[in-house]
Amino acid sequence: MSFLNKLFGRQGAASSDGLTLDDAVSSLAALYDDPEVKSERGLSLTGPRAEQVRGVGRRLHKTGGKQSMLAARDALRERYGWAIANLEAIWASLPEWRN
């Protein structure tokens, strides 16, 4: 599987621990689509939803490294531009994001 196919999930299935880009963006969008989250302009950095966001980041990293995480962030930006700073703040605690 080529790097771009791996990055963008074109083969459809991710590794057993990984996550396709489309699935990751859908998961993140579902978390940020909550009206309360929108009114607060993001998720609590210490709450259970933040841990879900970190989990998505970890699984993306397993699939395609930091490039996969960046691609998911950029795809999320199209629909939830206001959420990107929050997403980056949550992922800042991940070594996968810092490297």
PDB file of N, CA and C in Angstrom:
ATOM      1  N   MET A   1       0.847  -1.171   0.000  1.00  0.00           N
ATOM      2  CA  MET A   1       0.000   0.000   0.000  1.00  0.00           C
ATOM      3  C   MET A   1       0.891   1.232   0.000  1.00  0.00           C
ATOM      4  N   SER A   2       0.636   2.172  -0.884  1.00  0.00           N
ATOM      5  CA  SER A   2       1.466   3.362  -0.962  1.00  0.00           C
ATOM      6  C   SER A   2       1.187   4.292   0.216  1.00  0.00           C
ATOM      7  N   PHE A   3       2.094   5.217   0.421  1.00  0.00           N
ATOM      8  CA  PHE A   3       1.959   6.157   1.522  1.00  0.00           C
ATOM      9  C   PHE A   3       0.679   6.981   1.397  1.00  0.00           C
ATOM     10  N   LEU A   4       0.379   7.490   0.197  1.00  0.00           N
ATOM     11  CA  LEU A   4      -0.826   8.309   0.032  1.00  0.00           C
ATOM     12  C   LEU A   4      -2.094   7.500   0.252  1.00  0.00           C
ATOM     13  N   ASN A   5      -2.112   6.269  -0.216  1.00  0.00           N
ATOM     14  CA  ASN A   5      -3.283   5.422   0.035  1.00  0.00           C
ATOM     15  C   ASN A   5      -3.456   5.177   1.520  1.00  0.00           C
ATOM     16  N   LYS A   6      -2.347   4.964   2.196  1.00  0.00           N
ATOM     17  CA  LYS A   6      -2.392   4.753   3.636  1.00  0.00           C
ATOM     18  C   LYS A   6      -2.876   6.016   4.340  1.00  0.00           C
ATOM     19  N   LEU A   7      -2.351   7.157   3.903  1.00  0.00           N
ATOM     20  CA  LEU A   7      -2.689   8.432   4.513  1.00  0.00           C
ATOM     21  C   LEU A   7      -4.159   8.780   4.346  1.00  0.00           C
ATOM     22  N   PHE A   8      -4.673   8.587   3.162  1.00  0.00           N
ATOM     23  CA  PHE A   8      -6.050   8.995   2.886  1.00  0.00           C
ATOM     24  C   PHE A   8      -7.038   7.844   2.951  1.00  0.00           C
ATOM     25  N   GLY A   9      -6.592   6.674   3.365  1.00  0.00           N
ATOM     26  CA  GLY A   9      -7.501   5.565   3.584  1.00  0.00           C
ATOM     27  C   GLY A   9      -8.184   5.057   2.334  1.00  0.00           C
ATOM     28  N   ARG A  10      -7.533   5.115   1.206  1.00  0.00           N
ATOM     29  CA  ARG A  10      -8.183   4.738  -0.047  1.00  0.00           C
ATOM     30  C   ARG A  10      -8.427   3.253  -0.179  1.00  0.00           C
ATOM     31  N   GLN A  11      -7.747   2.453   0.600  1.00  0.00           N
ATOM     32  CA  GLN A  11      -7.986   1.023   0.549  1.00  0.00           C
ATOM     33  C   GLN A  11      -9.226   0.641   1.343  1.00  0.00           C
ATOM     34  N   GLY A  12      -9.784   1.604   2.070  1.00  0.00           N
ATOM     35  CA  GLY A  12     -11.028   1.370   2.786  1.00  0.00           C
ATOM     36  C   GLY A  12     -10.855   0.847   4.192  1.00  0.00           C
ATOM     37  N   ALA A  13      -9.948  -0.045   4.418  1.00  0.00           N
ATOM     38  CA  ALA A  13      -9.790  -0.633   5.744  1.00  0.00           C
ATOM     39  C   ALA A  13      -8.469  -0.186   6.345  1.00  0.00           C
ATOM     40  N   ALA A  14      -8.535   0.210   7.585  1.00  0.00           N
ATOM     41  CA  ALA A  14      -7.329   0.577   8.312  1.00  0.00           C
ATOM     42  C   ALA A  14      -6.798  -0.662   9.007  1.00  0.00           C
ATOM     43  N   SER A  15      -5.607  -0.524   9.549  1.00  0.00           N
ATOM     44  CA  SER A  15      -5.073  -1.625  10.336  1.00  0.00           C
ATOM     45  C   SER A  15      -5.974  -1.843  11.545  1.00  0.00           C
ATOM     46  N   SER A  16      -5.767  -2.940  12.256  1.00  0.00           N
ATOM     47  CA  SER A  16      -6.657  -3.275  13.366  1.00  0.00           C
ATOM     48  C   SER A  16      -6.674  -2.197  14.449  1.00  0.00           C
ATOM     49  N   ASP A  17      -5.567  -1.498  14.640  1.00  0.00           N
ATOM     50  CA  ASP A  17      -5.522  -0.435  15.645  1.00  0.00           C
ATOM     51  C   ASP A  17      -5.636   0.947  15.023  1.00  0.00           C
ATOM     52  N   GLY A  18      -5.554   1.032  13.700  1.00  0.00           N
ATOM     53  CA  GLY A  18      -5.559   2.313  13.028  1.00  0.00           C
ATOM     54  C   GLY A  18      -6.962   2.776  12.686  1.00  0.00           C
ATOM     55  N   LEU A  19      -7.026   3.889  11.990  1.00  0.00           N
ATOM     56  CA  LEU A  19      -8.291   4.519  11.676  1.00  0.00           C
ATOM     57  C   LEU A  19      -8.161   5.197  10.320  1.00  0.00           C
ATOM     58  N   THR A  20      -9.159   5.020   9.453  1.00  0.00           N
ATOM     59  CA  THR A  20      -9.104   5.711   8.172  1.00  0.00           C
ATOM     60  C   THR A  20      -9.344   7.200   8.393  1.00  0.00           C
ATOM     61  N   LEU A  21      -8.900   7.994   7.453  1.00  0.00           N
ATOM     62  CA  LEU A  21      -9.064   9.433   7.552  1.00  0.00           C
ATOM     63  C   LEU A  21     -10.539   9.811   7.612  1.00  0.00           C
ATOM     64  N   ASP A  22     -11.350   9.228   6.757  1.00  0.00           N
ATOM     65  CA  ASP A  22     -12.783   9.546   6.752  1.00  0.00           C
ATOM     66  C   ASP A  22     -13.441   9.206   8.083  1.00  0.00           C
ATOM     67  N   ASP A  23     -13.107   8.045   8.629  1.00  0.00           N
ATOM     68  CA  ASP A  23     -13.679   7.651   9.921  1.00  0.00           C
ATOM     69  C   ASP A  23     -13.226   8.587  11.035  1.00  0.00           C
ATOM     70  N   ALA A  24     -11.972   8.997  10.990  1.00  0.00           N
ATOM     71  CA  ALA A  24     -11.448   9.903  12.018  1.00  0.00           C
ATOM     72  C   ALA A  24     -12.145  11.249  11.957  1.00  0.00           C
ATOM     73  N   VAL A  25     -12.292  11.786  10.751  1.00  0.00           N
ATOM     74  CA  VAL A  25     -12.947  13.088  10.611  1.00  0.00           C
ATOM     75  C   VAL A  25     -14.404  12.988  11.041  1.00  0.00           C
ATOM     76  N   SER A  26     -15.056  11.890  10.712  1.00  0.00           N
ATOM     77  CA  SER A  26     -16.449  11.692  11.144  1.00  0.00           C
ATOM     78  C   SER A  26     -16.543  11.634  12.665  1.00  0.00           C
ATOM     79  N   SER A  27     -15.616  10.929  13.297  1.00  0.00           N
ATOM     80  CA  SER A  27     -15.613  10.832  14.758  1.00  0.00           C
ATOM     81  C   SER A  27     -15.380  12.194  15.404  1.00  0.00           C
ATOM     82  N   LEU A  28     -14.421  12.933  14.880  1.00  0.00           N
ATOM     83  CA  LEU A  28     -14.133  14.252  15.430  1.00  0.00           C
ATOM     84  C   LEU A  28     -15.310  15.205  15.200  1.00  0.00           C
ATOM     85  N   ALA A  29     -15.893  15.149  14.013  1.00  0.00           N
ATOM     86  CA  ALA A  29     -17.035  16.015  13.705  1.00  0.00           C
ATOM     87  C   ALA A  29     -18.199  15.720  14.646  1.00  0.00           C
ATOM     88  N   ALA A  30     -18.422  14.459  14.943  1.00  0.00           N
ATOM     89  CA  ALA A  30     -19.510  14.099  15.862  1.00  0.00           C
ATOM     90  C   ALA A  30     -19.275  14.700  17.243  1.00  0.00           C
ATOM     91  N   LEU A  31     -18.025  14.722  17.685  1.00  0.00           N
ATOM     92  CA  LEU A  31     -17.714  15.300  18.992  1.00  0.00           C
ATOM     93  C   LEU A  31     -17.886  16.816  18.998  1.00  0.00           C
ATOM     94  N   TYR A  32     -17.485  17.467  17.907  1.00  0.00           N
ATOM     95  CA  TYR A  32     -17.561  18.926  17.849  1.00  0.00           C
ATOM     96  C   TYR A  32     -18.924  19.440  17.391  1.00  0.00           C
ATOM     97  N   ASP A  33     -19.804  18.569  16.952  1.00  0.00           N
ATOM     98  CA  ASP A  33     -21.107  18.992  16.442  1.00  0.00           C
ATOM     99  C   ASP A  33     -22.137  19.221  17.546  1.00  0.00           C
ATOM    100  N   ASP A  34     -21.803  18.916  18.758  1.00  0.00           N
ATOM    101  CA  ASP A  34     -22.694  19.104  19.905  1.00  0.00           C
ATOM    102  C   ASP A  34     -22.945  20.608  20.117  1.00  0.00           C
ATOM    103  N   PRO A  35     -24.208  21.021  20.260  1.00  0.00           N
ATOM    104  CA  PRO A  35     -24.498  22.450  20.459  1.00  0.00           C
ATOM    105  C   PRO A  35     -23.776  23.065  21.661  1.00  0.00           C
ATOM    106  N   GLU A  36     -23.631  22.302  22.733  1.00  0.00           N
ATOM    107  CA  GLU A  36     -22.922  22.822  23.910  1.00  0.00           C
ATOM    108  C   GLU A  36     -21.444  23.048  23.592  1.00  0.00           C
ATOM    109  N   VAL A  37     -20.859  22.120  22.864  1.00  0.00           N
ATOM    110  CA  VAL A  37     -19.449  22.253  22.478  1.00  0.00           C
ATOM    111  C   VAL A  37     -19.283  23.474  21.577  1.00  0.00           C
ATOM    112  N   LYS A  38     -20.227  23.674  20.670  1.00  0.00           N
ATOM    113  CA  LYS A  38     -20.168  24.839  19.784  1.00  0.00           C
ATOM    114  C   LYS A  38     -20.257  26.133  20.583  1.00  0.00           C
ATOM    115  N   SER A  39     -21.171  26.186  21.551  1.00  0.00           N
ATOM    116  CA  SER A  39     -21.328  27.417  22.326  1.00  0.00           C
ATOM    117  C   SER A  39     -20.106  27.701  23.200  1.00  0.00           C
ATOM    118  N   GLU A  40     -19.438  26.648  23.638  1.00  0.00           N
ATOM    119  CA  GLU A  40     -18.222  26.798  24.453  1.00  0.00           C
ATOM    120  C   GLU A  40     -16.979  26.974  23.587  1.00  0.00           C
ATOM    121  N   ARG A  41     -17.139  26.827  22.285  1.00  0.00           N
ATOM    122  CA  ARG A  41     -16.044  26.928  21.305  1.00  0.00           C
ATOM    123  C   ARG A  41     -14.973  25.865  21.529  1.00  0.00           C
ATOM    124  N   GLY A  42     -15.415  24.679  21.961  1.00  0.00           N
ATOM    125  CA  GLY A  42     -14.490  23.572  22.100  1.00  0.00           C
ATOM    126  C   GLY A  42     -14.808  22.678  23.279  1.00  0.00           C
ATOM    127  N   LEU A  43     -13.998  21.659  23.398  1.00  0.00           N
ATOM    128  CA  LEU A  43     -14.132  20.662  24.453  1.00  0.00           C
ATOM    129  C   LEU A  43     -13.210  21.004  25.617  1.00  0.00           C
ATOM    130  N   SER A  44     -13.588  20.575  26.801  1.00  0.00           N
ATOM    131  CA  SER A  44     -12.707  20.701  27.958  1.00  0.00           C
ATOM    132  C   SER A  44     -11.441  19.889  27.682  1.00  0.00           C
ATOM    133  N   LEU A  45     -10.302  20.435  28.016  1.00  0.00           N
ATOM    134  CA  LEU A  45      -9.033  19.737  27.769  1.00  0.00           C
ATOM    135  C   LEU A  45      -8.839  18.530  28.675  1.00  0.00           C
ATOM    136  N   THR A  46      -9.607  18.459  29.750  1.00  0.00           N
ATOM    137  CA  THR A  46      -9.434  17.373  30.711  1.00  0.00           C
ATOM    138  C   THR A  46     -10.623  16.423  30.781  1.00  0.00           C
ATOM    139  N   GLY A  47     -11.654  16.672  30.023  1.00  0.00           N
ATOM    140  CA  GLY A  47     -12.861  15.858  30.100  1.00  0.00           C
ATOM    141  C   GLY A  47     -12.776  14.560  29.320  1.00  0.00           C
ATOM    142  N   PRO A  48     -13.804  13.744  29.459  1.00  0.00           N
ATOM    143  CA  PRO A  48     -13.821  12.448  28.765  1.00  0.00           C
ATOM    144  C   PRO A  48     -13.867  12.569  27.242  1.00  0.00           C
ATOM    145  N   ARG A  49     -14.486  13.616  26.745  1.00  0.00           N
ATOM    146  CA  ARG A  49     -14.510  13.795  25.286  1.00  0.00           C
ATOM    147  C   ARG A  49     -13.129  14.132  24.754  1.00  0.00           C
ATOM    148  N   ALA A  50     -12.344  14.863  25.541  1.00  0.00           N
ATOM    149  CA  ALA A  50     -10.970  15.165  25.132  1.00  0.00           C
ATOM    150  C   ALA A  50     -10.168  13.875  25.019  1.00  0.00           C
ATOM    151  N   GLU A  51     -10.443  12.933  25.908  1.00  0.00           N
ATOM    152  CA  GLU A  51      -9.740  11.643  25.826  1.00  0.00           C
ATOM    153  C   GLU A  51     -10.149  10.892  24.553  1.00  0.00           C
ATOM    154  N   GLN A  52     -11.393  11.049  24.135  1.00  0.00           N
ATOM    155  CA  GLN A  52     -11.822  10.444  22.872  1.00  0.00           C
ATOM    156  C   GLN A  52     -11.076  11.078  21.706  1.00  0.00           C
ATOM    157  N   VAL A  53     -10.896  12.386  21.745  1.00  0.00           N
ATOM    158  CA  VAL A  53     -10.159  13.088  20.695  1.00  0.00           C
ATOM    159  C   VAL A  53      -8.710  12.612  20.670  1.00  0.00           C
ATOM    160  N   ARG A  54      -8.113  12.426  21.840  1.00  0.00           N
ATOM    161  CA  ARG A  54      -6.742  11.904  21.899  1.00  0.00           C
ATOM    162  C   ARG A  54      -6.681  10.491  21.317  1.00  0.00           C
ATOM    163  N   GLY A  55      -7.701   9.688  21.612  1.00  0.00           N
ATOM    164  CA  GLY A  55      -7.748   8.333  21.070  1.00  0.00           C
ATOM    165  C   GLY A  55      -7.798   8.328  19.549  1.00  0.00           C
ATOM    166  N   VAL A  56      -8.577   9.234  18.987  1.00  0.00           N
ATOM    167  CA  VAL A  56      -8.639   9.359  17.524  1.00  0.00           C
ATOM    168  C   VAL A  56      -7.254   9.724  17.001  1.00  0.00           C
ATOM    169  N   GLY A  57      -6.593  10.657  17.658  1.00  0.00           N
ATOM    170  CA  GLY A  57      -5.242  11.057  17.239  1.00  0.00           C
ATOM    171  C   GLY A  57      -4.252   9.911  17.297  1.00  0.00           C
ATOM    172  N   ARG A  58      -4.302   9.141  18.368  1.00  0.00           N
ATOM    173  CA  ARG A  58      -3.391   7.990  18.494  1.00  0.00           C
ATOM    174  C   ARG A  58      -3.632   6.964  17.381  1.00  0.00           C
ATOM    175  N   ARG A  59      -4.897   6.690  17.122  1.00  0.00           N
ATOM    176  CA  ARG A  59      -5.231   5.705  16.088  1.00  0.00           C
ATOM    177  C   ARG A  59      -4.842   6.208  14.700  1.00  0.00           C
ATOM    178  N   LEU A  60      -5.020   7.500  14.452  1.00  0.00           N
ATOM    179  CA  LEU A  60      -4.582   8.067  13.182  1.00  0.00           C
ATOM    180  C   LEU A  60      -3.071   7.933  13.031  1.00  0.00           C
ATOM    181  N   HIS A  61      -2.355   8.203  14.111  1.00  0.00           N
ATOM    182  CA  HIS A  61      -0.896   8.107  14.065  1.00  0.00           C
ATOM    183  C   HIS A  61      -0.456   6.687  13.733  1.00  0.00           C
ATOM    184  N   LYS A  62      -1.153   5.699  14.271  1.00  0.00           N
ATOM    185  CA  LYS A  62      -0.818   4.305  13.962  1.00  0.00           C
ATOM    186  C   LYS A  62      -1.047   3.992  12.497  1.00  0.00           C
ATOM    187  N   THR A  63      -2.032   4.634  11.906  1.00  0.00           N
ATOM    188  CA  THR A  63      -2.356   4.384  10.504  1.00  0.00           C
ATOM    189  C   THR A  63      -1.375   5.066   9.560  1.00  0.00           C
ATOM    190  N   GLY A  64      -1.103   6.357   9.805  1.00  0.00           N
ATOM    191  CA  GLY A  64      -0.293   7.095   8.838  1.00  0.00           C
ATOM    192  C   GLY A  64       0.634   8.129   9.423  1.00  0.00           C
ATOM    193  N   GLY A  65       0.950   8.013  10.696  1.00  0.00           N
ATOM    194  CA  GLY A  65       1.881   8.945  11.318  1.00  0.00           C
ATOM    195  C   GLY A  65       1.278  10.322  11.507  1.00  0.00           C
ATOM    196  N   LYS A  66       2.141  11.277  11.778  1.00  0.00           N
ATOM    197  CA  LYS A  66       1.672  12.640  12.027  1.00  0.00           C
ATOM    198  C   LYS A  66       0.998  13.210  10.790  1.00  0.00           C
ATOM    199  N   GLN A  67       1.421  12.785   9.599  1.00  0.00           N
ATOM    200  CA  GLN A  67       0.790  13.270   8.374  1.00  0.00           C
ATOM    201  C   GLN A  67      -0.698  12.954   8.355  1.00  0.00           C
ATOM    202  N   SER A  68      -1.062  11.813   8.864  1.00  0.00           N
ATOM    203  CA  SER A  68      -2.462  11.426   8.935  1.00  0.00           C
ATOM    204  C   SER A  68      -3.214  12.322   9.920  1.00  0.00           C
ATOM    205  N   MET A  69      -2.583  12.654  11.032  1.00  0.00           N
ATOM    206  CA  MET A  69      -3.194  13.550  12.007  1.00  0.00           C
ATOM    207  C   MET A  69      -3.380  14.945  11.397  1.00  0.00           C
ATOM    208  N   LEU A  70      -2.387  15.417  10.673  1.00  0.00           N
ATOM    209  CA  LEU A  70      -2.480  16.723  10.019  1.00  0.00           C
ATOM    210  C   LEU A  70      -3.585  16.740   8.967  1.00  0.00           C
ATOM    211  N   ALA A  71      -3.707  15.658   8.226  1.00  0.00           N
ATOM    212  CA  ALA A  71      -4.748  15.572   7.197  1.00  0.00           C
ATOM    213  C   ALA A  71      -6.138  15.604   7.833  1.00  0.00           C
ATOM    214  N   ALA A  72      -6.307  14.924   8.957  1.00  0.00           N
ATOM    215  CA  ALA A  72      -7.595  14.938   9.656  1.00  0.00           C
ATOM    216  C   ALA A  72      -7.895  16.337  10.187  1.00  0.00           C
ATOM    217  N   ARG A  73      -6.900  16.978  10.741  1.00  0.00           N
ATOM    218  CA  ARG A  73      -7.093  18.349  11.239  1.00  0.00           C
ATOM    219  C   ARG A  73      -7.515  19.274  10.100  1.00  0.00           C
ATOM    220  N   ASP A  74      -6.845  19.165   8.968  1.00  0.00           N
ATOM    221  CA  ASP A  74      -7.164  20.025   7.838  1.00  0.00           C
ATOM    222  C   ASP A  74      -8.556  19.737   7.281  1.00  0.00           C
ATOM    223  N   ALA A  75      -8.949  18.471   7.270  1.00  0.00           N
ATOM    224  CA  ALA A  75     -10.289  18.118   6.804  1.00  0.00           C
ATOM    225  C   ALA A  75     -11.353  18.632   7.774  1.00  0.00           C
ATOM    226  N   LEU A  76     -11.080  18.565   9.056  1.00  0.00           N
ATOM    227  CA  LEU A  76     -12.023  19.068  10.048  1.00  0.00           C
ATOM    228  C   LEU A  76     -12.164  20.585   9.940  1.00  0.00           C
ATOM    229  N   ARG A  77     -11.085  21.252   9.573  1.00  0.00           N
ATOM    230  CA  ARG A  77     -11.074  22.714   9.458  1.00  0.00           C
ATOM    231  C   ARG A  77     -12.132  23.203   8.468  1.00  0.00           C
ATOM    232  N   GLU A  78     -12.401  22.422   7.441  1.00  0.00           N
ATOM    233  CA  GLU A  78     -13.376  22.832   6.428  1.00  0.00           C
ATOM    234  C   GLU A  78     -14.772  23.005   7.027  1.00  0.00           C
ATOM    235  N   ARG A  79     -15.129  22.180   7.992  1.00  0.00           N
ATOM    236  CA  ARG A  79     -16.465  22.233   8.578  1.00  0.00           C
ATOM    237  C   ARG A  79     -16.508  22.933   9.930  1.00  0.00           C
ATOM    238  N   TYR A  80     -15.445  22.812  10.688  1.00  0.00           N
ATOM    239  CA  TYR A  80     -15.412  23.340  12.055  1.00  0.00           C
ATOM    240  C   TYR A  80     -14.128  24.131  12.280  1.00  0.00           C
ATOM    241  N   GLY A  81     -13.953  25.183  11.519  1.00  0.00           N
ATOM    242  CA  GLY A  81     -12.738  25.991  11.627  1.00  0.00           C
ATOM    243  C   GLY A  81     -12.482  26.499  13.037  1.00  0.00           C
ATOM    244  N   TRP A  82     -13.560  26.801  13.746  1.00  0.00           N
ATOM    245  CA  TRP A  82     -13.446  27.315  15.107  1.00  0.00           C
ATOM    246  C   TRP A  82     -12.877  26.266  16.071  1.00  0.00           C
ATOM    247  N   ALA A  83     -12.957  24.987  15.716  1.00  0.00           N
ATOM    248  CA  ALA A  83     -12.554  23.909  16.627  1.00  0.00           C
ATOM    249  C   ALA A  83     -11.080  23.538  16.520  1.00  0.00           C
ATOM    250  N   ILE A  84     -10.396  24.046  15.543  1.00  0.00           N
ATOM    251  CA  ILE A  84      -9.029  23.593  15.281  1.00  0.00           C
ATOM    252  C   ILE A  84      -8.075  23.948  16.421  1.00  0.00           C
ATOM    253  N   ALA A  85      -8.179  25.134  16.962  1.00  0.00           N
ATOM    254  CA  ALA A  85      -7.301  25.497  18.088  1.00  0.00           C
ATOM    255  C   ALA A  85      -7.538  24.571  19.273  1.00  0.00           C
ATOM    256  N   ASN A  86      -8.790  24.208  19.501  1.00  0.00           N
ATOM    257  CA  ASN A  86      -9.121  23.295  20.587  1.00  0.00           C
ATOM    258  C   ASN A  86      -8.558  21.903  20.318  1.00  0.00           C
ATOM    259  N   LEU A  87      -8.731  21.420  19.093  1.00  0.00           N
ATOM    260  CA  LEU A  87      -8.188  20.114  18.709  1.00  0.00           C
ATOM    261  C   LEU A  87      -6.673  20.084  18.913  1.00  0.00           C
ATOM    262  N   GLU A  88      -5.989  21.110  18.457  1.00  0.00           N
ATOM    263  CA  GLU A  88      -4.536  21.172  18.609  1.00  0.00           C
ATOM    264  C   GLU A  88      -4.129  21.245  20.079  1.00  0.00           C
ATOM    265  N   ALA A  89      -4.900  21.945  20.897  1.00  0.00           N
ATOM    266  CA  ALA A  89      -4.602  22.021  22.333  1.00  0.00           C
ATOM    267  C   ALA A  89      -4.757  20.654  22.983  1.00  0.00           C
ATOM    268  N   ILE A  90      -5.767  19.913  22.572  1.00  0.00           N
ATOM    269  CA  ILE A  90      -5.967  18.561  23.117  1.00  0.00           C
ATOM    270  C   ILE A  90      -4.855  17.634  22.649  1.00  0.00           C
ATOM    271  N   TRP A  91      -4.532  17.684  21.374  1.00  0.00           N
ATOM    272  CA  TRP A  91      -3.483  16.813  20.834  1.00  0.00           C
ATOM    273  C   TRP A  91      -2.084  17.229  21.295  1.00  0.00           C
ATOM    274  N   ALA A  92      -1.929  18.439  21.822  1.00  0.00           N
ATOM    275  CA  ALA A  92      -0.610  18.903  22.271  1.00  0.00           C
ATOM    276  C   ALA A  92      -0.021  18.007  23.358  1.00  0.00           C
ATOM    277  N   SER A  93      -0.878  17.310  24.088  1.00  0.00           N
ATOM    278  CA  SER A  93      -0.384  16.416  25.141  1.00  0.00           C
ATOM    279  C   SER A  93       0.103  15.079  24.589  1.00  0.00           C
ATOM    280  N   LEU A  94      -0.117  14.818  23.313  1.00  0.00           N
ATOM    281  CA  LEU A  94       0.291  13.545  22.709  1.00  0.00           C
ATOM    282  C   LEU A  94       1.718  13.630  22.156  1.00  0.00           C
ATOM    283  N   PRO A  95       2.566  12.667  22.500  1.00  0.00           N
ATOM    284  CA  PRO A  95       3.907  12.666  21.910  1.00  0.00           C
ATOM    285  C   PRO A  95       3.855  12.496  20.395  1.00  0.00           C
ATOM    286  N   GLU A  96       2.818  11.815  19.908  1.00  0.00           N
ATOM    287  CA  GLU A  96       2.658  11.628  18.465  1.00  0.00           C
ATOM    288  C   GLU A  96       2.470  12.956  17.739  1.00  0.00           C
ATOM    289  N   TRP A  97       1.851  13.914  18.382  1.00  0.00           N
ATOM    290  CA  TRP A  97       1.594  15.218  17.789  1.00  0.00           C
ATOM    291  C   TRP A  97       2.823  16.120  17.903  1.00  0.00           C
ATOM    292  N   ARG A  98       3.564  15.991  18.978  1.00  0.00           N
ATOM    293  CA  ARG A  98       4.720  16.861  19.210  1.00  0.00           C
ATOM    294  C   ARG A  98       5.898  16.523  18.320  1.00  0.00           C
ATOM    295  N   ASN A  99       5.984  15.288  17.854  1.00  0.00           N
ATOM    296  CA  ASN A  99       7.139  14.869  17.043  1.00  0.00           C
ATOM    297  C   ASN A  99       7.003  15.260  15.611  1.00  0.00           C
TER     298      ASN A  99
END
